């Protein structure tokens, strides 16, 4: 998986700052316009199926290493509460945890599978991509929910918190992109059965506990889950 985009937009309202950013992780896409297409949210009870891959495969798909590509998006929406703290004589900015949302979605119209390669092991490889994205969605939520900032003025506190949001989201989206690329590289796009099994076990472990995906090197599988 390669490529990342962060496209923040914001508007300031009294005391609160509304900020939205989107980071996109995708394999090489078909270029099919996705405007107006319904996105598919990650759901543990609803695994993806080949019917979710509606994009047009590249003309050279038959000669490509990967048999399919899933197009995923990590998005977040946060509301910042900025208030005056009399004790410190400074403005304090915090994330409104109750209003924070972080989403992990798949775009069916940008996701494709090469003709004749709709095999179960290929679908499971793509499912693990989506699952790995979910691990980073949870990491991103936890990281954003814990952000705080302060300033001598309300504007300074707002700006400091906005900068912290941008830096934190960009850093974690870059980590997610790197992890997705390493997953593809080490599993040879799912064709290395041993490495695929190791990654599948690790991702399953991260999804059933506090998300602790690898920051570098090979995936670390928790004891008792196999590898």
Protein backbone atom coordinates (compact mmCIF):
# COMPACT_ATOMS: atom_id res chain seq x y z
CA UNK A 1 0.00 0.00 0.00
CA UNK A 2 1.39 3.39 -0.94
CA UNK A 3 0.30 6.99 -0.80
CA UNK A 4 -1.17 9.22 1.84
CA UNK A 5 -3.19 12.42 1.72
CA UNK A 6 -4.12 14.77 4.51
CA UNK A 7 -6.70 17.37 3.56
CA UNK A 8 -7.74 19.44 6.59
CA UNK A 9 -10.51 21.98 6.57
CA UNK A 10 -11.63 24.01 9.54
CA UNK A 11 -13.82 26.78 10.79
CA UNK A 12 -13.59 28.61 14.10
CA UNK A 13 -16.67 29.13 16.25
CA UNK A 14 -16.79 30.76 19.70
CA UNK A 15 -14.78 28.69 22.21
CA UNK A 16 -14.90 25.62 19.95
CA UNK A 17 -12.79 24.77 16.92
CA UNK A 18 -14.19 22.36 14.36
CA UNK A 19 -11.49 20.58 12.38
CA UNK A 20 -11.80 17.79 9.85
CA UNK A 21 -8.98 15.88 8.18
CA UNK A 22 -8.86 12.88 5.90
CA UNK A 23 -5.96 10.56 5.17
CA UNK A 24 -6.22 8.13 2.28
CA UNK A 25 -4.33 4.85 2.04
CA UNK A 26 -4.58 3.04 -1.23
CA UNK A 27 -3.02 0.53 -3.47
CA UNK A 28 -2.62 1.55 -7.14
CA UNK A 29 -6.17 2.52 -8.09
CA UNK A 30 -8.09 2.36 -11.32
CA UNK A 31 -8.74 6.08 -11.39
CA UNK A 32 -12.50 5.51 -11.48
CA UNK A 33 -14.30 8.52 -10.04
CA UNK A 34 -15.79 7.74 -6.65
CA UNK A 35 -17.87 10.88 -6.18
CA UNK A 36 -21.17 9.99 -4.58
CA UNK A 37 -20.21 6.37 -4.00
CA UNK A 38 -21.22 4.76 -0.73
CA UNK A 39 -18.22 3.97 1.43
CA UNK A 40 -18.10 0.72 3.37
CA UNK A 41 -17.19 1.08 7.05
CA UNK A 42 -15.05 -1.59 8.71
CA UNK A 43 -17.21 -4.00 10.69
CA UNK A 44 -15.95 -7.10 12.49
CA UNK A 45 -19.29 -8.77 11.85
CA UNK A 46 -19.29 -7.95 8.14
CA UNK A 47 -16.16 -9.17 6.29
CA UNK A 48 -15.58 -7.81 2.81
CA UNK A 49 -16.60 -9.87 -0.22
CA UNK A 50 -15.60 -9.78 -3.86
CA UNK A 51 -18.85 -7.95 -4.62
CA UNK A 52 -17.34 -4.98 -2.74
CA UNK A 53 -14.58 -4.68 -5.37
CA UNK A 54 -16.37 -2.80 -8.13
CA UNK A 55 -13.56 -0.75 -9.61
CA UNK A 56 -12.06 -1.40 -13.03
CA UNK A 57 -8.77 -3.31 -12.86
CA UNK A 58 -5.78 -1.70 -14.63
CA UNK A 59 -5.24 -2.77 -18.21
CA UNK A 60 -2.01 -4.52 -17.19
CA UNK A 61 -3.56 -6.25 -14.16
CA UNK A 62 -2.74 -9.70 -15.54
CA UNK A 63 0.99 -8.95 -15.36
CA UNK A 64 0.95 -7.13 -12.01
CA UNK A 65 2.26 -8.66 -8.77
CA UNK A 66 -0.95 -8.00 -6.86
CA UNK A 67 -4.19 -9.67 -7.86
CA UNK A 68 -6.41 -7.06 -6.21
CA UNK A 69 -6.32 -3.65 -4.54
CA UNK A 70 -8.43 -2.26 -1.71
CA UNK A 71 -8.82 1.52 -1.43
CA UNK A 72 -9.19 2.64 2.19
CA UNK A 73 -9.68 5.92 4.01
CA UNK A 74 -8.89 6.96 7.57
CA UNK A 75 -10.84 10.07 8.48
CA UNK A 76 -11.30 12.07 11.67
CA UNK A 77 -13.53 14.79 12.99
CA UNK A 78 -12.70 16.57 16.23
CA UNK A 79 -14.16 19.40 18.27
CA UNK A 80 -11.75 21.43 20.40
CA UNK A 81 -12.84 22.95 23.70
CA UNK A 82 -10.81 26.05 24.61
CA UNK A 83 -11.50 27.59 28.02
CA UNK A 84 -9.85 30.02 30.43
CA UNK A 85 -8.11 28.40 33.39
CA UNK A 86 -8.07 30.82 36.30
CA UNK A 87 -5.57 28.80 38.33
CA UNK A 88 -2.87 28.87 35.63
CA UNK A 89 -4.00 32.16 34.10
CA UNK A 90 -3.82 30.56 30.66
CA UNK A 91 -6.18 29.32 27.98
CA UNK A 92 -6.48 25.51 27.94
CA UNK A 93 -7.42 23.50 24.86
CA UNK A 94 -8.59 19.89 24.96
CA UNK A 95 -10.29 17.46 22.59
CA UNK A 96 -13.98 16.81 23.22
CA UNK A 97 -13.69 13.02 23.46
CA UNK A 98 -17.46 12.52 23.24
CA UNK A 99 -17.56 14.36 19.90
CA UNK A 100 -14.40 12.77 18.44
CA UNK A 101 -14.96 10.37 15.55
CA UNK A 102 -12.34 8.44 13.60
CA UNK A 103 -13.48 6.29 10.69
CA UNK A 104 -11.99 3.47 8.61
CA UNK A 105 -13.78 2.97 5.31
CA UNK A 106 -13.35 1.15 2.02
CA UNK A 107 -14.27 2.70 -1.33
CA UNK A 108 -15.78 -0.08 -3.49
CA UNK A 109 -15.53 1.94 -6.71
CA UNK A 110 -11.78 2.40 -6.26
CA UNK A 111 -11.16 -1.22 -5.19
CA UNK A 112 -10.57 -3.85 -7.86
CA UNK A 113 -9.69 -7.48 -8.51
CA UNK A 114 -8.11 -8.86 -11.67
CA UNK A 115 -10.33 -11.09 -13.78
CA UNK A 116 -9.94 -14.74 -12.85
CA UNK A 117 -8.08 -14.00 -9.59
CA UNK A 118 -11.07 -13.89 -7.24
CA UNK A 119 -9.58 -16.52 -4.92
CA UNK A 120 -10.37 -16.84 -1.21
CA UNK A 121 -6.72 -16.40 -0.16
CA UNK A 122 -6.51 -13.16 -2.14
CA UNK A 123 -9.69 -11.87 -0.49
CA UNK A 124 -8.31 -12.74 2.94
CA UNK A 125 -5.13 -10.80 2.15
CA UNK A 126 -7.24 -7.75 1.29
CA UNK A 127 -9.35 -8.24 4.44
CA UNK A 128 -6.18 -8.09 6.52
CA UNK A 129 -5.32 -4.77 4.87
CA UNK A 130 -8.69 -3.46 6.04
CA UNK A 131 -8.14 -4.96 9.51
CA UNK A 132 -4.69 -3.38 9.78
CA UNK A 133 -6.24 -0.04 8.91
CA UNK A 134 -8.71 -0.59 11.76
CA UNK A 135 -5.81 -1.07 14.18
CA UNK A 136 -4.47 2.33 13.17
CA UNK A 137 -7.94 3.88 13.35
CA UNK A 138 -8.03 2.92 17.02
CA UNK A 139 -4.51 4.19 17.58
CA UNK A 140 -5.44 7.48 15.93
CA UNK A 141 -8.54 7.83 18.10
CA UNK A 142 -6.56 7.23 21.29
CA UNK A 143 -3.81 9.64 20.24
CA UNK A 144 -6.19 12.46 19.28
CA UNK A 145 -8.38 11.99 22.36
CA UNK A 146 -5.39 12.62 24.62
CA UNK A 147 -4.22 15.88 23.04
CA UNK A 148 -4.01 19.06 25.11
CA UNK A 149 -2.55 22.52 24.51
CA UNK A 150 -2.44 25.91 26.18
CA UNK A 151 -1.69 29.52 25.36
CA UNK A 152 -1.70 33.01 26.73
CA UNK A 153 -4.61 33.86 24.41
CA UNK A 154 -7.55 31.83 23.14
CA UNK A 155 -6.22 32.10 19.60
CA UNK A 156 -2.81 30.83 20.68
CA UNK A 157 -4.34 27.84 22.47
CA UNK A 158 -6.53 27.05 19.45
CA UNK A 159 -3.55 27.23 17.12
CA UNK A 160 -1.37 25.06 19.38
CA UNK A 161 -4.06 22.40 19.56
CA UNK A 162 -4.71 22.60 15.83
CA UNK A 163 -0.97 22.11 15.20
CA UNK A 164 -0.90 19.15 17.58
CA UNK A 165 -3.87 17.58 15.77
CA UNK A 166 -2.20 18.02 12.39
CA UNK A 167 1.15 16.66 13.56
CA UNK A 168 -0.36 13.68 15.37
CA UNK A 169 -2.71 12.68 12.56
CA UNK A 170 -0.02 13.06 9.90
CA UNK A 171 2.45 11.00 11.94
CA UNK A 172 0.01 8.14 12.55
CA UNK A 173 -1.26 8.15 8.96
CA UNK A 174 2.36 7.88 7.80
CA UNK A 175 2.90 4.97 10.21
CA UNK A 176 -0.23 3.27 8.87
CA UNK A 177 0.93 3.72 5.28
CA UNK A 178 4.35 2.29 6.15
CA UNK A 179 2.81 -0.70 7.93
CA UNK A 180 0.55 -1.41 4.94
CA UNK A 181 3.52 -1.29 2.58
CA UNK A 182 5.56 -3.59 4.83
CA UNK A 183 2.64 -6.03 5.03
CA UNK A 184 2.52 -6.25 1.24
CA UNK A 185 6.30 -6.53 0.95
CA UNK A 186 6.77 -9.25 3.57
CA UNK A 187 3.81 -11.33 2.42
CA UNK A 188 4.60 -10.76 -1.28
CA UNK A 189 1.04 -9.51 -1.71
CA UNK A 190 -0.28 -12.60 0.06
CA UNK A 191 1.59 -15.19 -2.02
CA UNK A 192 3.98 -16.09 0.82
CA UNK A 193 1.72 -18.35 2.90
CA UNK A 194 4.01 -18.46 5.95
CA UNK A 195 4.42 -14.69 6.19
CA UNK A 196 0.73 -14.19 5.48
CA UNK A 197 -0.13 -16.46 8.41
CA UNK A 198 2.27 -14.52 10.69
CA UNK A 199 0.78 -11.18 9.75
CA UNK A 200 -2.80 -12.46 9.99
CA UNK A 201 -2.15 -13.72 13.53
CA UNK A 202 -0.49 -10.45 14.55
CA UNK A 203 -3.29 -8.30 13.16
CA UNK A 204 -5.90 -10.48 14.88
CA UNK A 205 -4.00 -10.03 18.14
CA UNK A 206 -3.86 -6.24 17.80
CA UNK A 207 -7.61 -6.15 17.13
CA UNK A 208 -8.47 -8.09 20.30
CA UNK A 209 -6.24 -6.09 22.63
CA UNK A 210 -4.85 -2.61 22.94
CA UNK A 211 -3.56 -1.88 19.42
CA UNK A 212 0.19 -2.25 19.48
CA UNK A 213 1.26 -2.72 15.86
CA UNK A 214 4.98 -2.78 15.06
CA UNK A 215 6.77 0.51 14.61
CA UNK A 216 9.62 -1.12 12.76
CA UNK A 217 10.89 -4.53 11.77
CA UNK A 218 8.79 -7.67 11.60
CA UNK A 219 5.35 -8.11 13.19
CA UNK A 220 5.37 -9.32 16.77
CA UNK A 221 2.79 -12.04 17.43
CA UNK A 222 1.38 -12.29 20.93
CA UNK A 223 1.92 -15.63 22.73
CA UNK A 224 -0.96 -18.05 22.32
CA UNK A 225 -2.10 -16.66 18.97
CA UNK A 226 0.37 -18.48 16.79
CA UNK A 227 2.70 -16.97 14.22
